[in-house]
């Protein structure tokens, strides 16, 4: 079992005990979230803005990023990203979403410990104001990166959403990114409307009424306890 599954499982169990959890579905909305598919980077290779081929599913949206192979130990699999290549870089991916649904983005973050600044900063956004995350590389090494799982949530406003990760460190030594997982979170019966019921699996629904009935009987669905 991967560390990500253990972490998500632990968080889910804790939330269930508190009686406030949503029902999350495991299938990730993004592709190639651990960056395992792509042109072999060797130790590492630098990808420039506009590159859409070397890292399938992702676009280098600005600046440059280092596609890491054997340079350091990845969080999941064998590959990851240094979000600062020659300068601060950004990567993005557009994926289908359902209007009104809430999505949780889980990702593993560390930082290149080979140079300053000690504290790396990574911004995450879906088109609005970005949210910054930091990682202190003090005491870390290329073989002990100290990866930590971070989460970011958003409510979809369109039938597709563009997720962007952007380094805030304009150096050669940026924040490190790996293991991006985006899950649709079932929150209440309103998300069954406007064909929203069709987007779910595990459980899947036959129609809107089936979805509403499930939500009303699910005591762990936010907002449904009194409905």
Foldseek 3Di string as FASTA:
>chain_A
DAPVVVVVVVVVVVLVVVLAAFDWDAAFQAPCQQQPDFDDQPQKDKDAAQDDHRRPQKGWPHGIKIWGANVACGRPDGIWIFCAAQFKTKMKGKGFDQAFWKKKKKKKKFKQLPDDDQKWWKWKDFPDDTDIDIHGQVPAHRHRRPIDIDMDMDGDHDRMTMIMIITPTTHNIHMMIGDIGMITTQAALVCLPPVSQCPDVPPHAPHSVRSNVVRLPDSSHPPNVVD
